[in-house]
Structures are given as C-alpha cells and as structure tokens.
Amino acid sequence: MAGQSSYSRLAADEAAAAISADDYDSKKLRLLGYEPQLKRNLSLLSNFSVTFSIVSVLTGITTLYGTGLEFGGPVTMVYGWPIAGAFTIVVGLAMAEICSAYPTSGGLYFWSARLCTERRWGPFASWLTGW
C-alpha cells in the first residue's frame, strides 16, 4: 500500500467494511433460520427513486397543508407540523432499531410475528399487520 493515495486506501477500507457488513448480515439471517437471498445491488438513482416514491413528498404536502389550514389555522402549521415531525422521527428510529435486529425481507410482517409475547399469536399479529 506504499504507492496508494489516501483516497484509494479509504475506498479500500470502505469496501472491506461493506463486505464484512454483508457477512455479518448473512450470519445473522442464518441464525434466524433463513438463507440470504436479497440482492443488494441498487444504484444511487434506484435507491433515491424507491425512497422518493415511498415517501411521496409532493402528494402528502399538497393535500395536508390545506386540511391543516382549514381545520386548525396557522397555529397548526407553526406548532403542529414540527411536533408531528418529531414524533415521526422517533417512530422511524424505533423501526430502524427493529430492522437492524431482524434484517429480513418480510419487514413488518416478520417483526410483528416475532415480537409477540406469546408465540401462538404470532401468525395472527402478522396477518393483522398486513391487513
């Protein structure tokens, strides 16, 4: 590595970290009883497109601003949106923690079944989540 620039060493370190993260995820899935099958090859544009379509910023903002102003007035915009946004971030962080603990492609269905206090209610909780 004597002739490499600091940028190429950094890229090599990041690539090694990504490979070890994939190995860690594969081991974790095997511990859960699953064989890893998810292909992780989304480009930056693909990742942005999927995320943007799921969030649907434009349709949500245009619809909900009118409703908030009509029923709550300007106070809703000044206080309501930041408070609701803060709670949404907390929910997102909680979901991220669950996702890191159970990295399966089933998502919410698997989590609801796995996190039931009584195992016999797992399939019902999973079905209810999907419904």
Protein backbone atom coordinates (compact mmCIF):
# COMPACT_ATOMS: atom_id res chain seq x y z
CA MET A 1 0.00 0.00 0.00
CA ALA A 2 3.04 2.26 -0.17
CA GLY A 3 2.19 3.76 -3.57
CA GLN A 4 -1.52 4.30 -2.93
CA SER A 5 -3.06 7.68 -2.30
CA SER A 6 -5.09 8.32 0.83
CA TYR A 7 -8.28 8.30 -1.26
CA SER A 8 -7.67 4.82 -2.67
CA ARG A 9 -6.80 3.47 0.80
CA LEU A 10 -10.02 4.99 2.14
CA ALA A 11 -12.03 3.39 -0.68
CA ALA A 12 -10.38 0.03 0.00
CA ASP A 13 -11.19 0.33 3.71
CA GLU A 14 -14.83 1.19 2.92
CA ALA A 15 -15.09 -1.76 0.54
CA ALA A 16 -13.70 -4.10 3.21
CA ALA A 17 -16.16 -2.71 5.75
CA ALA A 18 -19.05 -3.23 3.32
CA ILE A 19 -18.02 -6.83 2.70
CA SER A 20 -17.75 -7.54 6.42
CA ALA A 21 -21.17 -5.91 6.98
CA ASP A 22 -22.66 -8.20 4.33
CA ASP A 23 -21.04 -11.20 6.02
CA TYR A 24 -22.45 -10.09 9.36
CA ASP A 25 -25.94 -9.74 7.88
CA SER A 26 -25.68 -13.16 6.25
CA LYS A 27 -24.64 -14.76 9.54
CA LYS A 28 -27.48 -13.03 11.35
CA LEU A 29 -30.02 -14.28 8.80
CA ARG A 30 -28.69 -17.82 9.13
CA LEU A 31 -29.13 -17.57 12.90
CA LEU A 32 -32.77 -16.61 12.27
CA GLY A 33 -33.14 -19.72 10.10
CA TYR A 34 -33.10 -18.04 6.69
CA GLU A 35 -30.78 -18.39 3.72
CA PRO A 36 -29.77 -14.92 2.42
CA GLN A 37 -31.45 -14.26 -0.94
CA LEU A 38 -31.79 -10.47 -1.13
CA LYS A 39 -29.71 -8.96 -3.92
CA ARG A 40 -28.10 -5.76 -2.72
CA ASN A 41 -27.21 -4.01 -5.93
CA LEU A 42 -29.31 -0.83 -6.08
CA SER A 43 -27.62 2.14 -7.71
CA LEU A 44 -27.82 5.60 -6.20
CA LEU A 45 -30.55 6.59 -8.66
CA SER A 46 -32.57 3.42 -7.98
CA ASN A 47 -32.29 3.87 -4.24
CA PHE A 48 -33.38 7.51 -4.45
CA SER A 49 -36.29 6.64 -6.77
CA VAL A 50 -37.67 3.94 -4.50
CA THR A 51 -37.30 6.11 -1.40
CA PHE A 52 -38.88 9.14 -3.05
CA SER A 53 -41.85 7.16 -4.34
CA ILE A 54 -42.48 5.61 -0.92
CA VAL A 55 -42.26 8.91 0.93
CA SER A 56 -44.39 10.68 -1.69
CA VAL A 57 -43.50 14.15 -0.51
CA LEU A 58 -45.41 16.12 -3.10
CA THR A 59 -48.78 14.41 -2.69
CA GLY A 60 -48.61 14.45 1.10
CA ILE A 61 -47.66 18.09 1.43
CA THR A 62 -50.16 19.49 -1.04
CA THR A 63 -53.05 17.54 0.46
CA LEU A 64 -52.32 18.01 4.13
CA TYR A 65 -51.41 21.69 4.19
CA GLY A 66 -54.90 22.59 3.02
CA THR A 67 -56.55 20.37 5.61
CA GLY A 68 -54.38 21.74 8.42
CA LEU A 69 -55.06 25.34 7.49
CA GLU A 70 -58.78 24.73 7.09
CA PHE A 71 -59.37 22.96 10.40
CA GLY A 72 -56.56 24.25 12.61
CA GLY A 73 -55.49 27.55 11.18
CA PRO A 74 -51.95 28.91 11.15
CA VAL A 75 -51.29 27.58 14.65
CA THR A 76 -51.41 24.07 13.21
CA MET A 77 -48.62 24.91 10.80
CA VAL A 78 -46.44 26.65 13.37
CA TYR A 79 -46.73 24.12 16.21
CA GLY A 80 -48.42 21.01 14.82
CA TRP A 81 -46.06 20.14 11.98
CA PRO A 82 -42.82 20.32 13.99
CA ILE A 83 -44.33 18.31 16.85
CA ALA A 84 -45.74 15.67 14.50
CA GLY A 85 -42.41 15.61 12.65
CA ALA A 86 -40.50 14.98 15.87
CA PHE A 87 -42.77 12.06 16.77
CA THR A 88 -42.42 10.68 13.24
CA ILE A 89 -38.64 10.74 13.58
CA VAL A 90 -38.89 8.85 16.89
CA VAL A 91 -41.06 6.18 15.23
CA GLY A 92 -38.59 5.95 12.35
CA LEU A 93 -35.67 5.47 14.73
CA ALA A 94 -37.56 2.73 16.59
CA MET A 95 -38.34 0.97 13.30
CA ALA A 96 -34.66 1.25 12.31
CA GLU A 97 -33.64 -0.48 15.54
CA ILE A 98 -36.08 -3.32 14.92
CA CYS A 99 -34.90 -3.58 11.32
CA SER A 100 -31.28 -3.89 12.43
CA ALA A 101 -32.23 -6.61 14.93
CA TYR A 102 -34.27 -8.63 12.38
CA PRO A 103 -32.88 -7.91 8.88
CA THR A 104 -35.41 -9.95 6.92
CA SER A 105 -37.22 -9.03 3.73
CA GLY A 106 -40.60 -9.67 5.38
CA GLY A 107 -40.30 -6.45 7.34
CA LEU A 108 -43.30 -5.57 9.47
CA TYR A 109 -44.98 -8.96 8.98
CA PHE A 110 -41.99 -10.83 10.37
CA TRP A 111 -41.38 -8.32 13.17
CA SER A 112 -44.95 -8.42 14.42
CA ALA A 113 -44.95 -12.22 14.49
CA ARG A 114 -41.51 -12.44 16.09
CA LEU A 115 -42.09 -9.75 18.74
CA CYS A 116 -45.37 -11.18 20.08
CA THR A 117 -45.17 -12.03 23.75
CA GLU A 118 -46.99 -15.31 23.10
CA ARG A 119 -45.81 -17.31 20.09
CA ARG A 120 -49.28 -18.66 19.33
CA TRP A 121 -50.47 -15.13 18.48
CA GLY A 122 -47.60 -14.55 16.04
CA PRO A 123 -49.43 -15.55 12.83
CA PHE A 124 -52.49 -13.50 13.81
CA ALA A 125 -50.34 -10.44 14.58
CA SER A 126 -48.60 -10.83 11.25
CA TRP A 127 -51.90 -11.13 9.40
CA LEU A 128 -53.32 -8.13 11.25
CA THR A 129 -50.26 -6.05 10.33
CA GLY A 130 -50.74 -6.90 6.66
CA TRP A 131 -54.44 -6.22 6.73
